[in-house]
Amino acid sequence: MALGDRGRAGALATRGPSAPARTVPSPTGERIVVAYEPRRNGAPDPGEVVWAWVPFEDDPTKGKDRPVVVIGRWGTGLAGVPLTSRDRPGDPDRVPVGAGKWDAQRRPSYADVGRVLRLPPASVRREGAALDRRAFDRVIDRLEQRG
């Protein structure tokens, strides 16, 4: 297990201290170790919504700062799923996560589980808020279902 901070390895289980760590596949086939461990410490932690540069799907050379929910660790970096306020009814890749401090207008947000991003921790601009634990688990459950 590749972690930037080996001291936090015990906190990786999302279903209680005795549960094994959960993993989801990355777009490259590697496994992402998921966790829910938000901390208001200025550093990006799994379970938090942060702001980071996200490339556009149709032109990866362009993009913009967007809210991203950090879902865990991918190698030495972080794994995240972008959030959007645009619902696409019937789209199984859009998981409702509610509204939060990451959106000044407090619009309902949706995690786009069709896009799992690798984020270098230094690329994260700022913390937005911690995602509700139930919403985080819904995102991870959908990623596991996508397999």
N, C-alpha and C. Protein backbone atom coordinates (compact mmCIF):
# COMPACT_ATOMS: atom_id res chain seq x y z
N MET A 1 0.85 -1.17 0.00
CA MET A 1 0.00 0.00 0.00
C MET A 1 0.89 1.22 0.00
N ALA A 2 0.75 2.10 -0.99
CA ALA A 2 1.58 3.29 -1.08
C ALA A 2 0.85 4.45 -0.43
N LEU A 3 1.39 4.94 0.64
CA LEU A 3 0.79 6.07 1.34
C LEU A 3 1.84 7.13 1.59
N GLY A 4 1.43 8.37 1.47
CA GLY A 4 2.35 9.45 1.79
C GLY A 4 2.62 9.51 3.28
N ASP A 5 1.70 9.06 4.10
CA ASP A 5 1.84 9.14 5.54
C ASP A 5 1.50 7.77 6.13
N ARG A 6 2.50 6.95 6.36
CA ARG A 6 2.27 5.58 6.85
C ARG A 6 1.54 5.57 8.19
N GLY A 7 1.66 6.62 8.96
CA GLY A 7 1.01 6.66 10.27
C GLY A 7 -0.49 6.69 10.19
N ARG A 8 -1.06 6.98 9.04
CA ARG A 8 -2.51 7.06 8.91
C ARG A 8 -3.10 5.78 8.34
N ALA A 9 -2.31 4.75 8.11
CA ALA A 9 -2.81 3.54 7.46
C ALA A 9 -3.97 2.92 8.22
N GLY A 10 -4.00 3.01 9.53
CA GLY A 10 -5.08 2.42 10.31
C GLY A 10 -6.40 3.12 10.11
N ALA A 11 -6.39 4.33 9.56
CA ALA A 11 -7.61 5.09 9.39
C ALA A 11 -8.25 4.87 8.03
N LEU A 12 -7.74 3.93 7.24
CA LEU A 12 -8.23 3.78 5.87
C LEU A 12 -9.55 3.05 5.74
N ALA A 13 -9.93 2.25 6.69
CA ALA A 13 -11.19 1.52 6.55
C ALA A 13 -12.35 2.49 6.66
N THR A 14 -13.36 2.34 5.78
CA THR A 14 -14.50 3.24 5.82
C THR A 14 -15.70 2.60 6.51
N ARG A 15 -15.59 1.40 6.95
CA ARG A 15 -16.73 0.72 7.58
C ARG A 15 -16.43 0.36 9.04
N GLY A 16 -15.54 1.08 9.69
CA GLY A 16 -15.22 0.81 11.08
C GLY A 16 -13.81 0.30 11.22
N PRO A 17 -13.25 0.31 12.43
CA PRO A 17 -11.85 -0.03 12.61
C PRO A 17 -11.50 -1.47 12.28
N SER A 18 -12.44 -2.40 12.34
CA SER A 18 -12.10 -3.80 12.07
C SER A 18 -12.35 -4.19 10.61
N ALA A 19 -12.92 -3.28 9.83
CA ALA A 19 -13.23 -3.59 8.44
C ALA A 19 -11.97 -3.46 7.59
N PRO A 20 -11.82 -4.30 6.56
CA PRO A 20 -10.67 -4.15 5.67
C PRO A 20 -10.81 -2.87 4.85
N ALA A 21 -9.69 -2.35 4.41
CA ALA A 21 -9.73 -1.15 3.57
C ALA A 21 -10.50 -1.45 2.30
N ARG A 22 -11.31 -0.51 1.86
CA ARG A 22 -12.05 -0.65 0.61
C ARG A 22 -11.19 -0.11 -0.52
N THR A 23 -11.36 -0.68 -1.68
CA THR A 23 -10.66 -0.17 -2.85
C THR A 23 -11.64 -0.09 -4.01
N VAL A 24 -11.33 0.79 -4.94
CA VAL A 24 -12.09 0.92 -6.19
C VAL A 24 -11.07 0.97 -7.32
N PRO A 25 -11.47 0.58 -8.52
CA PRO A 25 -10.52 0.62 -9.64
C PRO A 25 -10.30 2.04 -10.14
N SER A 26 -9.08 2.29 -10.59
CA SER A 26 -8.77 3.56 -11.25
C SER A 26 -8.96 3.37 -12.75
N PRO A 27 -8.95 4.46 -13.51
CA PRO A 27 -9.06 4.32 -14.97
C PRO A 27 -7.91 3.52 -15.58
N THR A 28 -6.78 3.41 -14.88
CA THR A 28 -5.63 2.66 -15.40
C THR A 28 -5.62 1.22 -14.91
N GLY A 29 -6.61 0.84 -14.10
CA GLY A 29 -6.68 -0.52 -13.59
C GLY A 29 -6.03 -0.70 -12.23
N GLU A 30 -5.29 0.29 -11.77
CA GLU A 30 -4.71 0.22 -10.42
C GLU A 30 -5.84 0.35 -9.41
N ARG A 31 -5.58 -0.08 -8.19
CA ARG A 31 -6.59 0.04 -7.14
C ARG A 31 -6.37 1.32 -6.34
N ILE A 32 -7.45 1.99 -6.04
CA ILE A 32 -7.43 3.19 -5.21
C ILE A 32 -7.91 2.79 -3.83
N VAL A 33 -7.11 3.07 -2.82
CA VAL A 33 -7.50 2.79 -1.44
C VAL A 33 -8.37 3.95 -0.99
N VAL A 34 -9.63 3.66 -0.68
CA VAL A 34 -10.56 4.72 -0.30
C VAL A 34 -10.61 4.86 1.21
N ALA A 35 -10.97 6.05 1.63
CA ALA A 35 -11.01 6.35 3.06
C ALA A 35 -11.97 7.50 3.31
N TYR A 36 -12.41 7.60 4.52
CA TYR A 36 -13.16 8.78 4.95
C TYR A 36 -12.45 9.29 6.19
N GLU A 37 -11.63 10.32 6.01
CA GLU A 37 -10.85 10.86 7.13
C GLU A 37 -10.63 12.36 6.98
N PRO A 38 -11.74 13.12 6.87
CA PRO A 38 -11.58 14.58 6.75
C PRO A 38 -11.03 15.19 8.04
N ARG A 39 -10.14 16.15 7.86
CA ARG A 39 -9.57 16.90 8.98
C ARG A 39 -9.43 18.35 8.54
N ARG A 40 -9.85 19.28 9.34
CA ARG A 40 -9.68 20.70 9.01
C ARG A 40 -8.26 21.10 9.38
N ASN A 41 -7.32 20.74 8.52
CA ASN A 41 -5.91 21.01 8.80
C ASN A 41 -5.21 21.73 7.66
N GLY A 42 -5.96 22.14 6.65
CA GLY A 42 -5.36 22.83 5.51
C GLY A 42 -4.82 21.90 4.45
N ALA A 43 -4.71 20.62 4.74
CA ALA A 43 -4.22 19.63 3.77
C ALA A 43 -5.41 18.87 3.19
N PRO A 44 -5.32 18.45 1.93
CA PRO A 44 -6.44 17.70 1.34
C PRO A 44 -6.50 16.29 1.92
N ASP A 45 -7.66 15.92 2.43
CA ASP A 45 -7.85 14.61 3.05
C ASP A 45 -9.04 13.91 2.40
N PRO A 46 -9.00 12.58 2.33
CA PRO A 46 -10.15 11.84 1.81
C PRO A 46 -11.42 12.15 2.62
N GLY A 47 -12.49 12.37 1.88
CA GLY A 47 -13.75 12.74 2.50
C GLY A 47 -14.02 14.24 2.42
N GLU A 48 -13.03 15.00 1.94
CA GLU A 48 -13.19 16.44 1.83
C GLU A 48 -13.47 16.84 0.39
N VAL A 49 -14.18 17.93 0.25
CA VAL A 49 -14.35 18.56 -1.05
C VAL A 49 -13.29 19.65 -1.11
N VAL A 50 -12.47 19.59 -2.15
CA VAL A 50 -11.38 20.54 -2.34
C VAL A 50 -11.54 21.18 -3.72
N TRP A 51 -10.75 22.19 -3.98
CA TRP A 51 -10.74 22.83 -5.31
C TRP A 51 -9.44 22.47 -5.99
N ALA A 52 -9.54 22.02 -7.23
CA ALA A 52 -8.36 21.64 -8.00
C ALA A 52 -8.65 21.87 -9.48
N TRP A 53 -7.58 21.94 -10.27
CA TRP A 53 -7.73 22.10 -11.71
C TRP A 53 -8.20 20.78 -12.29
N VAL A 54 -9.28 20.82 -13.05
CA VAL A 54 -9.86 19.62 -13.67
C VAL A 54 -9.87 19.84 -15.18
N PRO A 55 -9.23 18.94 -15.94
CA PRO A 55 -9.23 19.09 -17.40
C PRO A 55 -10.62 18.84 -17.98
N PHE A 56 -10.92 19.54 -19.07
CA PHE A 56 -12.17 19.31 -19.78
C PHE A 56 -12.10 17.93 -20.43
N GLU A 57 -13.23 17.24 -20.50
CA GLU A 57 -13.25 15.91 -21.12
C GLU A 57 -12.94 15.96 -22.60
N ASP A 58 -13.46 16.98 -23.30
CA ASP A 58 -13.28 17.04 -24.75
C ASP A 58 -11.92 17.63 -25.16
N ASP A 59 -11.23 18.32 -24.24
CA ASP A 59 -9.91 18.87 -24.53
C ASP A 59 -9.09 18.90 -23.24
N PRO A 60 -8.35 17.83 -22.95
CA PRO A 60 -7.60 17.75 -21.69
C PRO A 60 -6.50 18.80 -21.52
N THR A 61 -6.19 19.55 -22.58
CA THR A 61 -5.20 20.62 -22.43
C THR A 61 -5.82 21.86 -21.81
N LYS A 62 -7.14 21.88 -21.72
CA LYS A 62 -7.85 22.99 -21.11
C LYS A 62 -8.66 22.47 -19.93
N GLY A 63 -8.99 23.36 -19.02
CA GLY A 63 -9.78 22.97 -17.86
C GLY A 63 -10.05 24.17 -16.99
N LYS A 64 -10.50 23.92 -15.77
CA LYS A 64 -10.74 25.00 -14.82
C LYS A 64 -10.77 24.45 -13.41
N ASP A 65 -10.66 25.37 -12.45
CA ASP A 65 -10.78 24.97 -11.05
C ASP A 65 -12.20 24.54 -10.78
N ARG A 66 -12.32 23.37 -10.14
CA ARG A 66 -13.65 22.82 -9.83
C ARG A 66 -13.60 22.18 -8.45
N PRO A 67 -14.75 22.02 -7.83
CA PRO A 67 -14.78 21.25 -6.59
C PRO A 67 -14.63 19.76 -6.90
N VAL A 68 -13.84 19.09 -6.11
CA VAL A 68 -13.55 17.66 -6.28
C VAL A 68 -13.65 17.01 -4.91
N VAL A 69 -14.36 15.88 -4.82
CA VAL A 69 -14.37 15.14 -3.56
C VAL A 69 -13.19 14.17 -3.59
N VAL A 70 -12.34 14.27 -2.58
CA VAL A 70 -11.20 13.36 -2.47
C VAL A 70 -11.74 12.04 -1.92
N ILE A 71 -11.50 10.95 -2.66
CA ILE A 71 -12.05 9.65 -2.24
C ILE A 71 -11.00 8.75 -1.60
N GLY A 72 -9.72 9.05 -1.80
CA GLY A 72 -8.69 8.20 -1.21
C GLY A 72 -7.33 8.48 -1.82
N ARG A 73 -6.49 7.46 -1.77
CA ARG A 73 -5.12 7.59 -2.26
C ARG A 73 -4.89 6.68 -3.47
N TRP A 74 -4.20 7.26 -4.43
CA TRP A 74 -3.89 6.55 -5.66
C TRP A 74 -2.38 6.66 -5.82
N GLY A 75 -1.68 5.60 -5.48
CA GLY A 75 -0.23 5.65 -5.46
C GLY A 75 0.22 6.66 -4.42
N THR A 76 1.08 7.59 -4.82
CA THR A 76 1.56 8.61 -3.89
C THR A 76 0.69 9.86 -3.93
N GLY A 77 -0.32 9.87 -4.79
CA GLY A 77 -1.20 11.03 -4.90
C GLY A 77 -2.56 10.77 -4.31
N LEU A 78 -3.48 11.62 -4.65
CA LEU A 78 -4.86 11.51 -4.20
C LEU A 78 -5.74 11.13 -5.38
N ALA A 79 -6.87 10.53 -5.08
CA ALA A 79 -7.88 10.24 -6.08
C ALA A 79 -9.11 11.08 -5.75
N GLY A 80 -9.71 11.64 -6.79
CA GLY A 80 -10.88 12.47 -6.58
C GLY A 80 -11.90 12.32 -7.68
N VAL A 81 -13.10 12.75 -7.39
CA VAL A 81 -14.22 12.72 -8.33
C VAL A 81 -14.76 14.15 -8.40
N PRO A 82 -14.86 14.72 -9.61
CA PRO A 82 -15.35 16.10 -9.71
C PRO A 82 -16.82 16.21 -9.34
N LEU A 83 -17.17 17.37 -8.80
CA LEU A 83 -18.56 17.68 -8.49
C LEU A 83 -19.09 18.66 -9.52
N THR A 84 -20.38 18.59 -9.74
CA THR A 84 -21.06 19.51 -10.64
C THR A 84 -22.43 19.84 -10.04
N SER A 85 -22.95 20.98 -10.42
CA SER A 85 -24.31 21.33 -10.00
C SER A 85 -25.32 20.94 -11.08
N ARG A 86 -24.83 20.40 -12.18
CA ARG A 86 -25.71 20.00 -13.28
C ARG A 86 -26.15 18.56 -13.12
N ASP A 87 -27.44 18.39 -12.94
CA ASP A 87 -28.00 17.04 -12.84
C ASP A 87 -28.28 16.53 -14.25
N ARG A 88 -28.12 15.26 -14.42
CA ARG A 88 -28.52 14.58 -15.66
C ARG A 88 -29.43 13.44 -15.24
N PRO A 89 -30.72 13.69 -15.12
CA PRO A 89 -31.64 12.65 -14.66
C PRO A 89 -31.46 11.36 -15.44
N GLY A 90 -31.36 10.26 -14.72
CA GLY A 90 -31.19 8.96 -15.33
C GLY A 90 -29.75 8.57 -15.59
N ASP A 91 -28.80 9.48 -15.39
CA ASP A 91 -27.39 9.18 -15.61
C ASP A 91 -26.84 8.46 -14.38
N PRO A 92 -26.47 7.18 -14.50
CA PRO A 92 -25.99 6.43 -13.33
C PRO A 92 -24.64 6.91 -12.82
N ASP A 93 -23.93 7.74 -13.60
CA ASP A 93 -22.64 8.25 -13.16
C ASP A 93 -22.76 9.50 -12.30
N ARG A 94 -23.96 10.04 -12.15
CA ARG A 94 -24.18 11.22 -11.31
C ARG A 94 -24.77 10.78 -9.98
N VAL A 95 -24.00 10.98 -8.93
CA VAL A 95 -24.43 10.59 -7.58
C VAL A 95 -24.74 11.87 -6.80
N PRO A 96 -25.99 12.04 -6.34
CA PRO A 96 -26.31 13.24 -5.57
C PRO A 96 -25.59 13.24 -4.22
N VAL A 97 -24.96 14.38 -3.90
CA VAL A 97 -24.24 14.50 -2.62
C VAL A 97 -24.76 15.64 -1.77
N GLY A 98 -25.76 16.38 -2.26
CA GLY A 98 -26.33 17.47 -1.49
C GLY A 98 -25.58 18.78 -1.72
N ALA A 99 -25.91 19.76 -0.90
CA ALA A 99 -25.29 21.08 -0.99
C ALA A 99 -24.28 21.23 0.13
N GLY A 100 -23.32 22.11 -0.09
CA GLY A 100 -22.31 22.32 0.94
C GLY A 100 -21.58 23.63 0.77
N LYS A 101 -20.65 23.88 1.67
CA LYS A 101 -19.89 25.13 1.69
C LYS A 101 -18.99 25.28 0.46
N TRP A 102 -18.78 24.20 -0.29
CA TRP A 102 -17.94 24.30 -1.48
C TRP A 102 -18.62 25.11 -2.58
N ASP A 103 -19.93 25.34 -2.48
CA ASP A 103 -20.66 26.12 -3.47
C ASP A 103 -21.30 27.30 -2.75
N ALA A 104 -20.86 28.51 -3.09
CA ALA A 104 -21.36 29.72 -2.41
C ALA A 104 -22.87 29.87 -2.53
N GLN A 105 -23.46 29.33 -3.62
CA GLN A 105 -24.90 29.43 -3.81
C GLN A 105 -25.66 28.27 -3.16
N ARG A 106 -24.92 27.33 -2.58
CA ARG A 106 -25.51 26.16 -1.91
C ARG A 106 -26.46 25.37 -2.81
N ARG A 107 -26.05 25.21 -4.07
CA ARG A 107 -26.85 24.41 -5.00
C ARG A 107 -26.60 22.93 -4.72
N PRO A 108 -27.58 22.07 -5.01
CA PRO A 108 -27.33 20.63 -4.90
C PRO A 108 -26.20 20.23 -5.85
N SER A 109 -25.33 19.34 -5.39
CA SER A 109 -24.19 18.89 -6.19
C SER A 109 -24.29 17.41 -6.47
N TYR A 110 -23.59 17.01 -7.53
CA TYR A 110 -23.57 15.62 -7.98
C TYR A 110 -22.12 15.23 -8.24
N ALA A 111 -21.72 14.06 -7.74
CA ALA A 111 -20.39 13.52 -8.01
C ALA A 111 -20.46 12.81 -9.34
N ASP A 112 -19.51 13.11 -10.21
CA ASP A 112 -19.44 12.47 -11.53
C ASP A 112 -18.49 11.28 -11.43
N VAL A 113 -19.02 10.11 -11.05
CA VAL A 113 -18.18 8.93 -10.84
C VAL A 113 -17.64 8.35 -12.14
N GLY A 114 -18.05 8.88 -13.27
CA GLY A 114 -17.48 8.47 -14.54
C GLY A 114 -16.10 9.06 -14.78
N ARG A 115 -15.69 9.98 -13.91
CA ARG A 115 -14.38 10.63 -14.03
C ARG A 115 -13.64 10.53 -12.70
N VAL A 116 -12.71 9.61 -12.61
CA VAL A 116 -11.85 9.51 -11.43
C VAL A 116 -10.53 10.17 -11.80
N LEU A 117 -10.13 11.13 -11.00
CA LEU A 117 -8.96 11.95 -11.29
C LEU A 117 -7.81 11.63 -10.34
N ARG A 118 -6.59 11.63 -10.86
CA ARG A 118 -5.39 11.54 -10.01
C ARG A 118 -4.95 12.97 -9.73
N LEU A 119 -4.84 13.30 -8.44
CA LEU A 119 -4.49 14.66 -8.03
C LEU A 119 -3.19 14.66 -7.24
N PRO A 120 -2.18 15.35 -7.71
CA PRO A 120 -1.01 15.56 -6.86
C PRO A 120 -1.45 16.45 -5.70
N PRO A 121 -1.12 16.12 -4.46
CA PRO A 121 -1.59 16.94 -3.34
C PRO A 121 -1.26 18.43 -3.49
N ALA A 122 -0.14 18.75 -4.11
CA ALA A 122 0.24 20.15 -4.28
C ALA A 122 -0.66 20.88 -5.28
N SER A 123 -1.43 20.14 -6.10
CA SER A 123 -2.30 20.78 -7.09
C SER A 123 -3.62 21.23 -6.49
N VAL A 124 -3.91 20.83 -5.28
CA VAL A 124 -5.17 21.20 -4.63
C VAL A 124 -5.06 22.63 -4.14
N ARG A 125 -6.05 23.45 -4.50
CA ARG A 125 -6.00 24.87 -4.17
C ARG A 125 -6.45 25.19 -2.76
N ARG A 126 -7.54 24.54 -2.32
CA ARG A 126 -8.06 24.84 -0.98
C ARG A 126 -9.12 23.82 -0.59
N GLU A 127 -9.35 23.74 0.70
CA GLU A 127 -10.43 22.90 1.21
C GLU A 127 -11.75 23.64 1.05
N GLY A 128 -12.80 22.91 0.70
CA GLY A 128 -14.12 23.50 0.61
C GLY A 128 -14.96 23.15 1.82
N ALA A 129 -14.98 21.87 2.17
CA ALA A 129 -15.77 21.38 3.30
C ALA A 129 -15.64 19.87 3.33
N ALA A 130 -16.04 19.28 4.43
CA ALA A 130 -16.11 17.82 4.50
C ALA A 130 -17.44 17.38 3.90
N LEU A 131 -17.40 16.33 3.11
CA LEU A 131 -18.62 15.76 2.56
C LEU A 131 -19.28 14.92 3.65
N ASP A 132 -20.59 14.93 3.68
CA ASP A 132 -21.34 14.10 4.62
C ASP A 132 -20.94 12.64 4.43
N ARG A 133 -20.77 11.91 5.52
CA ARG A 133 -20.33 10.51 5.45
C ARG A 133 -21.26 9.64 4.61
N ARG A 134 -22.56 9.82 4.74
CA ARG A 134 -23.50 9.01 3.94
C ARG A 134 -23.34 9.31 2.45
N ALA A 135 -23.15 10.58 2.10
CA ALA A 135 -22.95 10.93 0.69
C ALA A 135 -21.64 10.34 0.18
N PHE A 136 -20.59 10.39 0.99
CA PHE A 136 -19.31 9.80 0.62
C PHE A 136 -19.48 8.30 0.34
N ASP A 137 -20.16 7.61 1.23
CA ASP A 137 -20.37 6.17 1.04
C ASP A 137 -21.19 5.87 -0.21
N ARG A 138 -22.16 6.73 -0.56
CA ARG A 138 -22.92 6.52 -1.80
C ARG A 138 -22.01 6.65 -3.02
N VAL A 139 -21.08 7.59 -2.98
CA VAL A 139 -20.13 7.76 -4.09
C VAL A 139 -19.26 6.52 -4.22
N ILE A 140 -18.72 6.03 -3.11
CA ILE A 140 -17.86 4.85 -3.13
C ILE A 140 -18.65 3.62 -3.57
N ASP A 141 -19.87 3.47 -3.06
CA ASP A 141 -20.71 2.33 -3.47
C ASP A 141 -20.93 2.33 -4.98
N ARG A 142 -21.19 3.51 -5.55
CA ARG A 142 -21.41 3.58 -7.00
C ARG A 142 -20.13 3.25 -7.76
N LEU A 143 -18.99 3.72 -7.26
CA LEU A 143 -17.71 3.37 -7.91
C LEU A 143 -17.46 1.87 -7.86
N GLU A 144 -17.79 1.23 -6.74
CA GLU A 144 -17.62 -0.22 -6.63
C GLU A 144 -18.54 -0.93 -7.60
N GLN A 145 -19.77 -0.45 -7.76
CA GLN A 145 -20.72 -1.06 -8.70
C GLN A 145 -20.23 -0.95 -10.14
N ARG A 146 -19.57 0.15 -10.46
CA ARG A 146 -19.06 0.34 -11.82
C ARG A 146 -17.94 -0.64 -12.11
N GLY A 147 -17.24 -1.06 -11.00
CA GLY A 147 -16.17 -2.07 -11.09
C GLY A 147 -15.14 -1.75 -12.05
